[in-house]
Amino acid sequence: MPTIATLTMNPTIDVAYEVDQVRPTHKMRGHKANYDPGGGGINVARVFGRLGGNANCHYLSGGAAGAMLDILLDQRCFARKPIRIAGNTRIATNIYERSTGQEFRFVPPGPEVTAAECAACLAALAETEGEFLVASGSLPPGVPADFYAQVGAVARARGVRLVLDSSGDALRGGLEAGGVYLVKPSESELAGLVGRDLNSHAEITAAASEIIAAGQAELVAVTLGEEGGLLVSSSGALFLPAIRVETKSATGAGDSFLSAMLYRLTVGDAPQDAFRYGMAAGAAAAMTAGTDLCFPEDIDRLFAQYTVSAG
């Protein structure tokens, strides 16, 4: 069975529900309340498991919310490996307004994490197993910006390839040490890394190629939102247009993309074919309301369309 490990430094309990209309000061009755374990690495693991793989979930867990997160993962039969912290795991809220079709997302910063808790996390990762270690999501307060670089060093010592999906200083710090197998920035995140605006596919490709030439990453998968995505490697670039679907939620589309791409890499696909499958998964996630991510049958159907439309 394909196996990966994931790291979620700032996990969430994702609460999603619908209201008829968002109105200030009024009590708004919710419908269809749903509770999911969330955060970048956990979302990647959820999709990877649905596709038939196994994901070992490393994540920080603290307080009553952390205990609930543990339960939610147990209910989904995950191989969970919590690192206990003193602070409370965060709770994020996703609200869908029925009258307008708009989505509102409220995400707190997360708990303060100590140096000792960071060290405990690195020690846990020293025992990790899997072809890839996916370090995904934001870093909570107290975690140094170069933490993902430290994670990369641990992964390399284990012979595990690091996959990085973050933003801001955490993304920059993770790349500066080099040795990342795959990094997944958005267009704006890539622009921030290279320090200039990117106004065309050629400019995006050139920026991604700089990261590869510097030895920071082997593959750069740039998500372009409604436009599509670009996969850049030392052998060239592949652009895929986005598949048009009825969008119900933006939650987890990037995580679904990354997970599906990794799944296909673990079963032997070439990066370009895996990228195509990942793009189909991102579109499938957008079709799913709330925080429920994507489903294999939707991915396969959209992947078949991609094969025809993208050639």
C-alpha atoms as a PDB file:
ATOM      1  CA  MET A   1       0.000   0.000   0.000  1.00  0.00           C
ATOM      2  CA  PRO A   2       1.381   3.464  -0.864  1.00  0.00           C
ATOM      3  CA  THR A   3       2.500   5.168   2.343  1.00  0.00           C
ATOM      4  CA  ILE A   4       3.370   8.756   3.158  1.00  0.00           C
ATOM      5  CA  ALA A   5       3.783  10.759   6.348  1.00  0.00           C
ATOM      6  CA  THR A   6       2.261  14.168   6.955  1.00  0.00           C
ATOM      7  CA  LEU A   7       3.107  16.934   9.399  1.00  0.00           C
ATOM      8  CA  THR A   8       0.526  19.485  10.522  1.00  0.00           C
ATOM      9  CA  MET A   9       2.021  22.037  12.884  1.00  0.00           C
ATOM     10  CA  ASN A  10      -1.175  24.079  13.141  1.00  0.00           C
ATOM     11  CA  PRO A  11      -4.106  21.672  12.806  1.00  0.00           C
ATOM     12  CA  THR A  12      -7.735  22.635  13.198  1.00  0.00           C
ATOM     13  CA  ILE A  13     -11.121  21.298  13.968  1.00  0.00           C
ATOM     14  CA  ASP A  14     -13.004  22.557  10.944  1.00  0.00           C
ATOM     15  CA  VAL A  15     -16.621  23.416  11.748  1.00  0.00           C
ATOM     16  CA  ALA A  16     -18.817  23.994   8.699  1.00  0.00           C
ATOM     17  CA  TYR A  17     -22.487  24.870   8.481  1.00  0.00           C
ATOM     18  CA  GLU A  18     -24.972  26.835   6.430  1.00  0.00           C
ATOM     19  CA  VAL A  19     -27.079  29.866   7.315  1.00  0.00           C
ATOM     20  CA  ASP A  20     -29.854  31.505   5.328  1.00  0.00           C
ATOM     21  CA  GLN A  21     -28.274  34.948   5.582  1.00  0.00           C
ATOM     22  CA  VAL A  22     -25.313  36.458   7.438  1.00  0.00           C
ATOM     23  CA  ARG A  23     -26.615  39.407   9.464  1.00  0.00           C
ATOM     24  CA  PRO A  24     -24.739  41.411  12.121  1.00  0.00           C
ATOM     25  CA  THR A  25     -25.972  41.172  15.758  1.00  0.00           C
ATOM     26  CA  HIS A  26     -28.688  38.659  14.863  1.00  0.00           C
ATOM     27  CA  LYS A  27     -28.712  35.073  16.033  1.00  0.00           C
ATOM     28  CA  MET A  28     -28.291  33.034  12.861  1.00  0.00           C
ATOM     29  CA  ARG A  29     -29.551  29.454  12.969  1.00  0.00           C
ATOM     30  CA  GLY A  30     -27.161  27.039  11.351  1.00  0.00           C
ATOM     31  CA  HIS A  31     -27.995  24.039   9.152  1.00  0.00           C
ATOM     32  CA  LYS A  32     -26.029  20.926   8.202  1.00  0.00           C
ATOM     33  CA  ALA A  33     -23.341  21.311  10.868  1.00  0.00           C
ATOM     34  CA  ASN A  34     -20.250  19.247  10.144  1.00  0.00           C
ATOM     35  CA  TYR A  35     -17.007  18.671  12.062  1.00  0.00           C
ATOM     36  CA  ASP A  36     -13.834  17.568  10.292  1.00  0.00           C
ATOM     37  CA  PRO A  37     -10.190  17.220  11.289  1.00  0.00           C
ATOM     38  CA  GLY A  38      -8.294  19.853   9.339  1.00  0.00           C
ATOM     39  CA  GLY A  39      -5.051  21.638   8.628  1.00  0.00           C
ATOM     40  CA  GLY A  40      -2.812  21.147   5.610  1.00  0.00           C
ATOM     41  CA  GLY A  41      -1.146  17.822   6.399  1.00  0.00           C
ATOM     42  CA  ILE A  42      -4.293  16.282   7.846  1.00  0.00           C
ATOM     43  CA  ASN A  43      -6.283  17.259   4.757  1.00  0.00           C
ATOM     44  CA  VAL A  44      -3.610  15.680   2.571  1.00  0.00           C
ATOM     45  CA  ALA A  45      -3.872  12.503   4.651  1.00  0.00           C
ATOM     46  CA  ARG A  46      -7.671  12.433   4.373  1.00  0.00           C
ATOM     47  CA  VAL A  47      -7.565  12.477   0.593  1.00  0.00           C
ATOM     48  CA  PHE A  48      -4.625  10.069   0.394  1.00  0.00           C
ATOM     49  CA  GLY A  49      -6.585   7.536   2.442  1.00  0.00           C
ATOM     50  CA  ARG A  50      -9.673   7.905   0.249  1.00  0.00           C
ATOM     51  CA  LEU A  51      -7.538   7.105  -2.771  1.00  0.00           C
ATOM     52  CA  GLY A  52      -6.369   3.856  -1.205  1.00  0.00           C
ATOM     53  CA  GLY A  53      -3.104   4.871   0.433  1.00  0.00           C
ATOM     54  CA  ASN A  54      -1.892   5.030   4.021  1.00  0.00           C
ATOM     55  CA  ALA A  55      -0.845   8.258   5.724  1.00  0.00           C
ATOM     56  CA  ASN A  56       0.897   8.524   9.075  1.00  0.00           C
ATOM     57  CA  CYS A  57      -0.355  11.795  10.562  1.00  0.00           C
ATOM     58  CA  HIS A  58       2.029  13.755  12.778  1.00  0.00           C
ATOM     59  CA  TYR A  59       0.353  16.800  14.305  1.00  0.00           C
ATOM     60  CA  LEU A  60       0.380  19.042  17.355  1.00  0.00           C
ATOM     61  CA  SER A  61      -2.494  18.409  19.753  1.00  0.00           C
ATOM     62  CA  GLY A  62      -3.422  20.343  22.875  1.00  0.00           C
ATOM     63  CA  GLY A  63      -6.298  20.994  25.250  1.00  0.00           C
ATOM     64  CA  ALA A  64      -9.907  19.865  24.927  1.00  0.00           C
ATOM     65  CA  ALA A  65      -9.956  20.759  21.229  1.00  0.00           C
ATOM     66  CA  GLY A  66      -6.873  18.586  20.717  1.00  0.00           C
ATOM     67  CA  ALA A  67      -8.648  15.663  22.359  1.00  0.00           C
ATOM     68  CA  MET A  68     -11.603  16.160  20.039  1.00  0.00           C
ATOM     69  CA  LEU A  69      -9.247  16.292  17.059  1.00  0.00           C
ATOM     70  CA  ASP A  70      -7.794  12.935  18.162  1.00  0.00           C
ATOM     71  CA  ILE A  71     -11.305  11.462  18.255  1.00  0.00           C
ATOM     72  CA  LEU A  72     -12.195  12.804  14.811  1.00  0.00           C
ATOM     73  CA  LEU A  73      -9.059  11.197  13.381  1.00  0.00           C
ATOM     74  CA  ASP A  74      -9.807   7.911  15.154  1.00  0.00           C
ATOM     75  CA  GLN A  75     -13.276   7.899  13.625  1.00  0.00           C
ATOM     76  CA  ARG A  76     -11.631   8.055  10.209  1.00  0.00           C
ATOM     77  CA  CYS A  77      -9.161   5.260  11.095  1.00  0.00           C
ATOM     78  CA  PHE A  78      -5.997   7.303  10.688  1.00  0.00           C
ATOM     79  CA  ALA A  79      -2.566   6.207  11.872  1.00  0.00           C
ATOM     80  CA  ARG A  80      -2.261   9.279  14.065  1.00  0.00           C
ATOM     81  CA  LYS A  81       0.896  10.339  15.875  1.00  0.00           C
ATOM     82  CA  PRO A  82       0.077  13.384  18.021  1.00  0.00           C
ATOM     83  CA  ILE A  83       2.729  15.569  19.615  1.00  0.00           C
ATOM     84  CA  ARG A  84       1.264  16.918  22.837  1.00  0.00           C
ATOM     85  CA  ILE A  85       1.427  20.654  23.532  1.00  0.00           C
ATOM     86  CA  ALA A  86       0.144  22.830  26.364  1.00  0.00           C
ATOM     87  CA  GLY A  87      -1.823  25.239  24.163  1.00  0.00           C
ATOM     88  CA  ASN A  88      -5.274  24.605  22.754  1.00  0.00           C
ATOM     89  CA  THR A  89      -5.644  23.284  19.212  1.00  0.00           C
ATOM     90  CA  ARG A  90      -7.479  25.870  17.129  1.00  0.00           C
ATOM     91  CA  ILE A  91     -11.033  25.660  15.814  1.00  0.00           C
ATOM     92  CA  ALA A  92     -11.835  27.162  12.411  1.00  0.00           C
ATOM     93  CA  THR A  93     -15.298  28.001  11.103  1.00  0.00           C
ATOM     94  CA  ASN A  94     -16.652  27.837   7.563  1.00  0.00           C
ATOM     95  CA  ILE A  95     -20.070  29.417   6.896  1.00  0.00           C
ATOM     96  CA  TYR A  96     -22.008  29.061   3.657  1.00  0.00           C
ATOM     97  CA  GLU A  97     -24.647  31.756   3.094  1.00  0.00           C
ATOM     98  CA  ARG A  98     -27.560  30.192   1.213  1.00  0.00           C
ATOM     99  CA  SER A  99     -29.049  33.461  -0.005  1.00  0.00           C
ATOM    100  CA  THR A 100     -25.907  34.523  -1.897  1.00  0.00           C
ATOM    101  CA  GLY A 101     -23.842  31.363  -2.303  1.00  0.00           C
ATOM    102  CA  GLN A 102     -20.938  33.127  -0.593  1.00  0.00           C
ATOM    103  CA  GLU A 103     -18.546  31.375   1.753  1.00  0.00           C
ATOM    104  CA  PHE A 104     -17.107  32.939   4.920  1.00  0.00           C
ATOM    105  CA  ARG A 105     -14.028  31.415   6.566  1.00  0.00           C
ATOM    106  CA  PHE A 106     -12.765  32.294  10.053  1.00  0.00           C
ATOM    107  CA  VAL A 107      -9.314  30.935  10.947  1.00  0.00           C
ATOM    108  CA  PRO A 108      -7.537  31.758  14.259  1.00  0.00           C
ATOM    109  CA  PRO A 109      -3.724  31.939  14.473  1.00  0.00           C
ATOM    110  CA  GLY A 110      -3.286  28.842  16.627  1.00  0.00           C
ATOM    111  CA  PRO A 111      -1.647  28.189  20.006  1.00  0.00           C
ATOM    112  CA  GLU A 112       1.754  29.397  21.186  1.00  0.00           C
ATOM    113  CA  VAL A 113       4.270  26.579  20.778  1.00  0.00           C
ATOM    114  CA  THR A 114       7.405  26.321  22.906  1.00  0.00           C
ATOM    115  CA  ALA A 115      10.947  25.415  21.862  1.00  0.00           C
ATOM    116  CA  ALA A 116      10.665  22.175  23.833  1.00  0.00           C
ATOM    117  CA  GLU A 117       7.485  21.254  21.951  1.00  0.00           C
ATOM    118  CA  CYS A 118       9.221  21.962  18.625  1.00  0.00           C
ATOM    119  CA  ALA A 119      12.071  19.684  19.677  1.00  0.00           C
ATOM    120  CA  ALA A 120       9.600  16.949  20.606  1.00  0.00           C
ATOM    121  CA  CYS A 121       8.072  17.228  17.140  1.00  0.00           C
ATOM    122  CA  LEU A 122      11.457  16.804  15.432  1.00  0.00           C
ATOM    123  CA  ALA A 123      12.199  13.812  17.654  1.00  0.00           C
ATOM    124  CA  ALA A 124       8.910  12.191  16.631  1.00  0.00           C
ATOM    125  CA  LEU A 125       9.662  12.759  12.958  1.00  0.00           C
ATOM    126  CA  ALA A 126      12.999  10.980  13.370  1.00  0.00           C
ATOM    127  CA  GLU A 127      10.963   7.752  13.426  1.00  0.00           C
ATOM    128  CA  THR A 128       8.754   8.596  10.453  1.00  0.00           C
ATOM    129  CA  GLU A 129       8.084   6.163   7.628  1.00  0.00           C
ATOM    130  CA  GLY A 130       6.889   6.617   4.055  1.00  0.00           C
ATOM    131  CA  GLU A 131       8.139   7.634   0.646  1.00  0.00           C
ATOM    132  CA  PHE A 132       7.283  11.289   1.239  1.00  0.00           C
ATOM    133  CA  LEU A 133       6.952  13.542   4.258  1.00  0.00           C
ATOM    134  CA  VAL A 134       4.430  16.297   3.547  1.00  0.00           C
ATOM    135  CA  ALA A 135       4.996  19.411   5.654  1.00  0.00           C
ATOM    136  CA  SER A 136       1.874  21.422   4.994  1.00  0.00           C
ATOM    137  CA  GLY A 137       0.169  24.423   6.486  1.00  0.00           C
ATOM    138  CA  SER A 138       1.042  27.484   8.530  1.00  0.00           C
ATOM    139  CA  LEU A 139       3.379  27.561  11.518  1.00  0.00           C
ATOM    140  CA  PRO A 140       1.709  28.548  14.796  1.00  0.00           C
ATOM    141  CA  PRO A 141       3.094  31.316  17.014  1.00  0.00           C
ATOM    142  CA  GLY A 142       6.416  30.464  18.643  1.00  0.00           C
ATOM    143  CA  VAL A 143       7.671  28.159  15.890  1.00  0.00           C
ATOM    144  CA  PRO A 144      10.777  29.546  14.117  1.00  0.00           C
ATOM    145  CA  ALA A 145      10.537  30.432  10.436  1.00  0.00           C
ATOM    146  CA  ASP A 146      13.227  27.878   9.544  1.00  0.00           C
ATOM    147  CA  PHE A 147      11.385  24.998  11.192  1.00  0.00           C
ATOM    148  CA  TYR A 148      10.483  23.320   7.920  1.00  0.00           C
ATOM    149  CA  ALA A 149      14.188  23.404   7.002  1.00  0.00           C
ATOM    150  CA  GLN A 150      14.852  21.486  10.232  1.00  0.00           C
ATOM    151  CA  VAL A 151      12.106  19.051   9.250  1.00  0.00           C
ATOM    152  CA  GLY A 152      13.780  18.633   5.856  1.00  0.00           C
ATOM    153  CA  ALA A 153      17.070  17.693   7.530  1.00  0.00           C
ATOM    154  CA  VAL A 154      15.295  15.025   9.583  1.00  0.00           C
ATOM    155  CA  ALA A 155      13.556  13.696   6.467  1.00  0.00           C
ATOM    156  CA  ARG A 156      16.793  13.458   4.497  1.00  0.00           C
ATOM    157  CA  ALA A 157      18.419  11.552   7.354  1.00  0.00           C
ATOM    158  CA  ARG A 158      15.564   9.042   7.075  1.00  0.00           C
ATOM    159  CA  GLY A 159      15.848   8.815   3.294  1.00  0.00           C
ATOM    160  CA  VAL A 160      12.388  10.405   2.930  1.00  0.00           C
ATOM    161  CA  ARG A 161      11.629  13.068   0.326  1.00  0.00           C
ATOM    162  CA  LEU A 162      10.211  16.329   1.672  1.00  0.00           C
ATOM    163  CA  VAL A 163       7.131  17.930   0.125  1.00  0.00           C
ATOM    164  CA  LEU A 164       6.488  21.506   1.244  1.00  0.00           C
ATOM    165  CA  ASP A 165       3.270  23.512   1.119  1.00  0.00           C
ATOM    166  CA  SER A 166       3.216  26.659   3.213  1.00  0.00           C
ATOM    167  CA  SER A 167       3.384  30.427   2.804  1.00  0.00           C
ATOM    168  CA  GLY A 168       5.302  33.515   3.860  1.00  0.00           C
ATOM    169  CA  ASP A 169       8.363  33.147   6.051  1.00  0.00           C
ATOM    170  CA  ALA A 170       7.611  29.481   6.734  1.00  0.00           C
ATOM    171  CA  LEU A 171       7.763  28.703   3.015  1.00  0.00           C
ATOM    172  CA  ARG A 172      10.894  30.767   2.477  1.00  0.00           C
ATOM    173  CA  GLY A 173      12.616  29.249   5.503  1.00  0.00           C
ATOM    174  CA  GLY A 174      11.773  25.744   4.375  1.00  0.00           C
ATOM    175  CA  LEU A 175      13.236  26.294   0.919  1.00  0.00           C
ATOM    176  CA  GLU A 176      16.419  28.128   1.876  1.00  0.00           C
ATOM    177  CA  ALA A 177      18.096  24.963   3.173  1.00  0.00           C
ATOM    178  CA  GLY A 178      17.398  23.216  -0.152  1.00  0.00           C
ATOM    179  CA  GLY A 179      16.701  19.573  -0.815  1.00  0.00           C
ATOM    180  CA  VAL A 180      12.902  19.816  -1.130  1.00  0.00           C
ATOM    181  CA  TYR A 181      11.453  17.349  -3.629  1.00  0.00           C
ATOM    182  CA  LEU A 182       8.205  19.182  -4.414  1.00  0.00           C
ATOM    183  CA  VAL A 183       6.988  22.622  -3.374  1.00  0.00           C
ATOM    184  CA  LYS A 184       3.491  23.947  -4.099  1.00  0.00           C
ATOM    185  CA  PRO A 185       3.306  27.747  -3.999  1.00  0.00           C
ATOM    186  CA  SER A 186       0.484  29.850  -5.337  1.00  0.00           C
ATOM    187  CA  GLU A 187       1.337  32.483  -7.929  1.00  0.00           C
ATOM    188  CA  SER A 188       1.416  35.217  -5.261  1.00  0.00           C
ATOM    189  CA  GLU A 189       3.543  33.087  -2.936  1.00  0.00           C
ATOM    190  CA  LEU A 190       6.040  32.426  -5.725  1.00  0.00           C
ATOM    191  CA  ALA A 191       6.170  36.148  -6.490  1.00  0.00           C
ATOM    192  CA  GLY A 192       6.962  36.790  -2.843  1.00  0.00           C
ATOM    193  CA  LEU A 193       9.778  34.258  -2.919  1.00  0.00           C
ATOM    194  CA  VAL A 194      11.525  35.831  -5.918  1.00  0.00           C
ATOM    195  CA  GLY A 195      10.680  39.411  -4.970  1.00  0.00           C
ATOM    196  CA  ARG A 196       8.950  40.560  -8.139  1.00  0.00           C
ATOM    197  CA  ASP A 197       5.597  40.554  -9.904  1.00  0.00           C
ATOM    198  CA  LEU A 198       4.887  37.649 -12.229  1.00  0.00           C
ATOM    199  CA  ASN A 199       2.685  38.665 -15.150  1.00  0.00           C
ATOM    200  CA  SER A 200       2.838  35.726 -17.544  1.00  0.00           C
ATOM    201  CA  HIS A 201       3.363  31.988 -17.691  1.00  0.00           C
ATOM    202  CA  ALA A 202       6.868  32.630 -18.968  1.00  0.00           C
ATOM    203  CA  GLU A 203       7.685  34.799 -15.947  1.00  0.00           C
ATOM    204  CA  ILE A 204       6.176  32.244 -13.561  1.00  0.00           C
ATOM    205  CA  THR A 205       8.191  29.479 -15.211  1.00  0.00           C
ATOM    206  CA  ALA A 206      11.370  31.542 -14.962  1.00  0.00           C
ATOM    207  CA  ALA A 207      10.778  32.211 -11.258  1.00  0.00           C
ATOM    208  CA  ALA A 208      10.126  28.554 -10.527  1.00  0.00           C
ATOM    209  CA  SER A 209      13.221  27.607 -12.520  1.00  0.00           C
ATOM    210  CA  GLU A 210      15.316  29.853 -10.269  1.00  0.00           C
ATOM    211  CA  ILE A 211      14.213  27.807  -7.267  1.00  0.00           C
ATOM    212  CA  ILE A 212      15.140  24.602  -9.059  1.00  0.00           C
ATOM    213  CA  ALA A 213      18.509  25.942 -10.262  1.00  0.00           C
ATOM    214  CA  ALA A 214      19.351  26.991  -6.692  1.00  0.00           C
ATOM    215  CA  GLY A 215      18.830  23.409  -5.528  1.00  0.00           C
ATOM    216  CA  GLN A 216      15.924  24.397  -3.311  1.00  0.00           C
ATOM    217  CA  ALA A 217      13.390  22.039  -4.954  1.00  0.00           C
ATOM    218  CA  GLU A 218      13.209  19.485  -7.779  1.00  0.00           C
ATOM    219  CA  LEU A 219       9.594  20.163  -8.741  1.00  0.00           C
ATOM    220  CA  VAL A 220       7.601  23.385  -8.400  1.00  0.00           C
ATOM    221  CA  ALA A 221       3.828  23.093  -8.806  1.00  0.00           C
ATOM    222  CA  VAL A 222       2.342  26.575  -9.039  1.00  0.00           C
ATOM    223  CA  THR A 223      -1.393  26.889  -8.472  1.00  0.00           C
ATOM    224  CA  LEU A 224      -3.013  29.679 -10.492  1.00  0.00           C
ATOM    225  CA  GLY A 225      -6.530  29.623  -9.059  1.00  0.00           C
ATOM    226  CA  GLU A 226      -9.278  29.683 -11.670  1.00  0.00           C
ATOM    227  CA  GLU A 227      -6.682  29.847 -14.433  1.00  0.00           C
ATOM    228  CA  GLY A 228      -5.142  26.443 -13.743  1.00  0.00           C
ATOM    229  CA  GLY A 229      -1.634  25.387 -12.745  1.00  0.00           C
ATOM    230  CA  LEU A 230       1.996  25.084 -13.867  1.00  0.00           C
ATOM    231  CA  LEU A 231       4.401  22.257 -13.120  1.00  0.00           C
ATOM    232  CA  VAL A 232       8.041  23.234 -13.550  1.00  0.00           C
ATOM    233  CA  SER A 233      11.079  20.941 -13.433  1.00  0.00           C
ATOM    234  CA  SER A 234      14.605  20.998 -14.823  1.00  0.00           C
ATOM    235  CA  SER A 235      13.230  19.405 -18.004  1.00  0.00           C
ATOM    236  CA  GLY A 236      10.612  22.069 -18.724  1.00  0.00           C
ATOM    237  CA  ALA A 237       7.153  23.333 -17.793  1.00  0.00           C
ATOM    238  CA  LEU A 238       3.607  22.044 -18.203  1.00  0.00           C
ATOM    239  CA  PHE A 239       0.580  24.340 -18.009  1.00  0.00           C
ATOM    240  CA  LEU A 240      -2.874  22.858 -17.432  1.00  0.00           C
ATOM    241  CA  PRO A 241      -6.020  24.984 -17.600  1.00  0.00           C
ATOM    242  CA  ALA A 242      -8.514  24.688 -14.779  1.00  0.00           C
ATOM    243  CA  ILE A 243     -11.524  22.447 -15.315  1.00  0.00           C
ATOM    244  CA  ARG A 244     -14.724  24.463 -14.993  1.00  0.00           C
ATOM    245  CA  VAL A 245     -16.945  23.126 -12.226  1.00  0.00           C
ATOM    246  CA  GLU A 246     -19.700  24.489 -10.004  1.00  0.00           C
ATOM    247  CA  THR A 247     -17.713  25.785  -7.052  1.00  0.00           C
ATOM    248  CA  LYS A 248     -19.269  25.160  -3.644  1.00  0.00           C
ATOM    249  CA  SER A 249     -16.225  25.670  -1.409  1.00  0.00           C
ATOM    250  CA  ALA A 250     -12.587  26.691  -1.761  1.00  0.00           C
ATOM    251  CA  THR A 251     -11.619  24.783   1.377  1.00  0.00           C
ATOM    252  CA  GLY A 252      -9.025  22.083   0.845  1.00  0.00           C
ATOM    253  CA  ALA A 253      -8.678  22.376  -2.931  1.00  0.00           C
ATOM    254  CA  GLY A 254      -4.917  22.870  -2.734  1.00  0.00           C
ATOM    255  CA  ASP A 255      -4.504  20.049  -0.217  1.00  0.00           C
ATOM    256  CA  SER A 256      -6.585  17.750  -2.414  1.00  0.00           C
ATOM    257  CA  PHE A 257      -4.462  18.645  -5.429  1.00  0.00           C
ATOM    258  CA  LEU A 258      -1.243  17.895  -3.569  1.00  0.00           C
ATOM    259  CA  SER A 259      -2.481  14.639  -2.071  1.00  0.00           C
ATOM    260  CA  ALA A 260      -3.759  13.239  -5.343  1.00  0.00           C
ATOM    261  CA  MET A 261      -0.563  14.192  -7.147  1.00  0.00           C
ATOM    262  CA  LEU A 262       1.513  12.448  -4.487  1.00  0.00           C
ATOM    263  CA  TYR A 263      -0.679   9.370  -4.610  1.00  0.00           C
ATOM    264  CA  ARG A 264      -0.076   8.984  -8.306  1.00  0.00           C
ATOM    265  CA  LEU A 265       3.653   9.546  -7.819  1.00  0.00           C
ATOM    266  CA  THR A 266       3.755   6.748  -5.240  1.00  0.00           C
ATOM    267  CA  VAL A 267       2.130   4.306  -7.666  1.00  0.00           C
ATOM    268  CA  GLY A 268       4.665   5.097 -10.390  1.00  0.00           C
ATOM    269  CA  ASP A 269       3.204   7.896 -12.510  1.00  0.00           C
ATOM    270  CA  ALA A 270       5.503  10.420 -14.159  1.00  0.00           C
ATOM    271  CA  PRO A 271       5.321  13.871 -12.527  1.00  0.00           C
ATOM    272  CA  GLN A 272       3.393  15.344 -15.472  1.00  0.00           C
ATOM    273  CA  ASP A 273       0.686  12.657 -15.292  1.00  0.00           C
ATOM    274  CA  ALA A 274       0.511  12.924 -11.512  1.00  0.00           C
ATOM    275  CA  PHE A 275       0.145  16.690 -11.853  1.00  0.00           C
ATOM    276  CA  ARG A 276      -2.803  16.230 -14.189  1.00  0.00           C
ATOM    277  CA  TYR A 277      -4.494  13.927 -11.671  1.00  0.00           C
ATOM    278  CA  GLY A 278      -3.819  16.430  -8.903  1.00  0.00           C
ATOM    279  CA  MET A 279      -5.450  19.203 -10.900  1.00  0.00           C
ATOM    280  CA  ALA A 280      -8.547  17.050 -11.313  1.00  0.00           C
ATOM    281  CA  ALA A 281      -8.610  16.484  -7.535  1.00  0.00           C
ATOM    282  CA  GLY A 282      -8.416  20.209  -6.843  1.00  0.00           C
ATOM    283  CA  ALA A 283     -11.420  20.791  -9.093  1.00  0.00           C
ATOM    284  CA  ALA A 284     -13.271  17.904  -7.428  1.00  0.00           C
ATOM    285  CA  ALA A 285     -12.685  19.462  -4.004  1.00  0.00           C
ATOM    286  CA  ALA A 286     -14.153  22.766  -5.171  1.00  0.00           C
ATOM    287  CA  MET A 287     -17.359  20.901  -6.047  1.00  0.00           C
ATOM    288  CA  THR A 288     -17.765  19.683  -2.459  1.00  0.00           C
ATOM    289  CA  ALA A 289     -19.507  21.923   0.052  1.00  0.00           C
ATOM    290  CA  GLY A 290     -17.986  22.828   3.405  1.00  0.00           C
ATOM    291  CA  THR A 291     -14.834  21.032   4.527  1.00  0.00           C
ATOM    292  CA  ASP A 292     -15.465  17.562   3.092  1.00  0.00           C
ATOM    293  CA  LEU A 293     -12.689  17.699   0.430  1.00  0.00           C
ATOM    294  CA  CYS A 294     -12.854  15.524  -2.708  1.00  0.00           C
ATOM    295  CA  PHE A 295     -14.005  12.018  -3.618  1.00  0.00           C
ATOM    296  CA  PRO A 296     -12.276   9.485  -5.917  1.00  0.00           C
ATOM    297  CA  GLU A 297     -15.236   9.085  -8.274  1.00  0.00           C
ATOM    298  CA  ASP A 298     -15.307  12.847  -8.938  1.00  0.00           C
ATOM    299  CA  ILE A 299     -11.542  12.944  -9.440  1.00  0.00           C
ATOM    300  CA  ASP A 300     -11.648  10.088 -11.949  1.00  0.00           C
ATOM    301  CA  ARG A 301     -14.484  11.684 -13.910  1.00  0.00           C
ATOM    302  CA  LEU A 302     -12.707  15.047 -14.106  1.00  0.00           C
ATOM    303  CA  PHE A 303      -9.372  13.389 -14.861  1.00  0.00           C
ATOM    304  CA  ALA A 304     -10.974  11.752 -17.894  1.00  0.00           C
ATOM    305  CA  GLN A 305     -12.121  15.205 -19.065  1.00  0.00           C
ATOM    306  CA  TYR A 306      -8.612  16.518 -18.547  1.00  0.00           C
ATOM    307  CA  THR A 307      -7.168  13.769 -20.691  1.00  0.00           C
ATOM    308  CA  VAL A 308      -9.441  14.838 -23.535  1.00  0.00           C
ATOM    309  CA  SER A 309      -9.335  18.622 -23.103  1.00  0.00           C
ATOM    310  CA  ALA A 310      -5.681  19.084 -22.175  1.00  0.00           C
ATOM    311  CA  GLY A 311      -4.294  16.487 -24.558  1.00  0.00           C
END
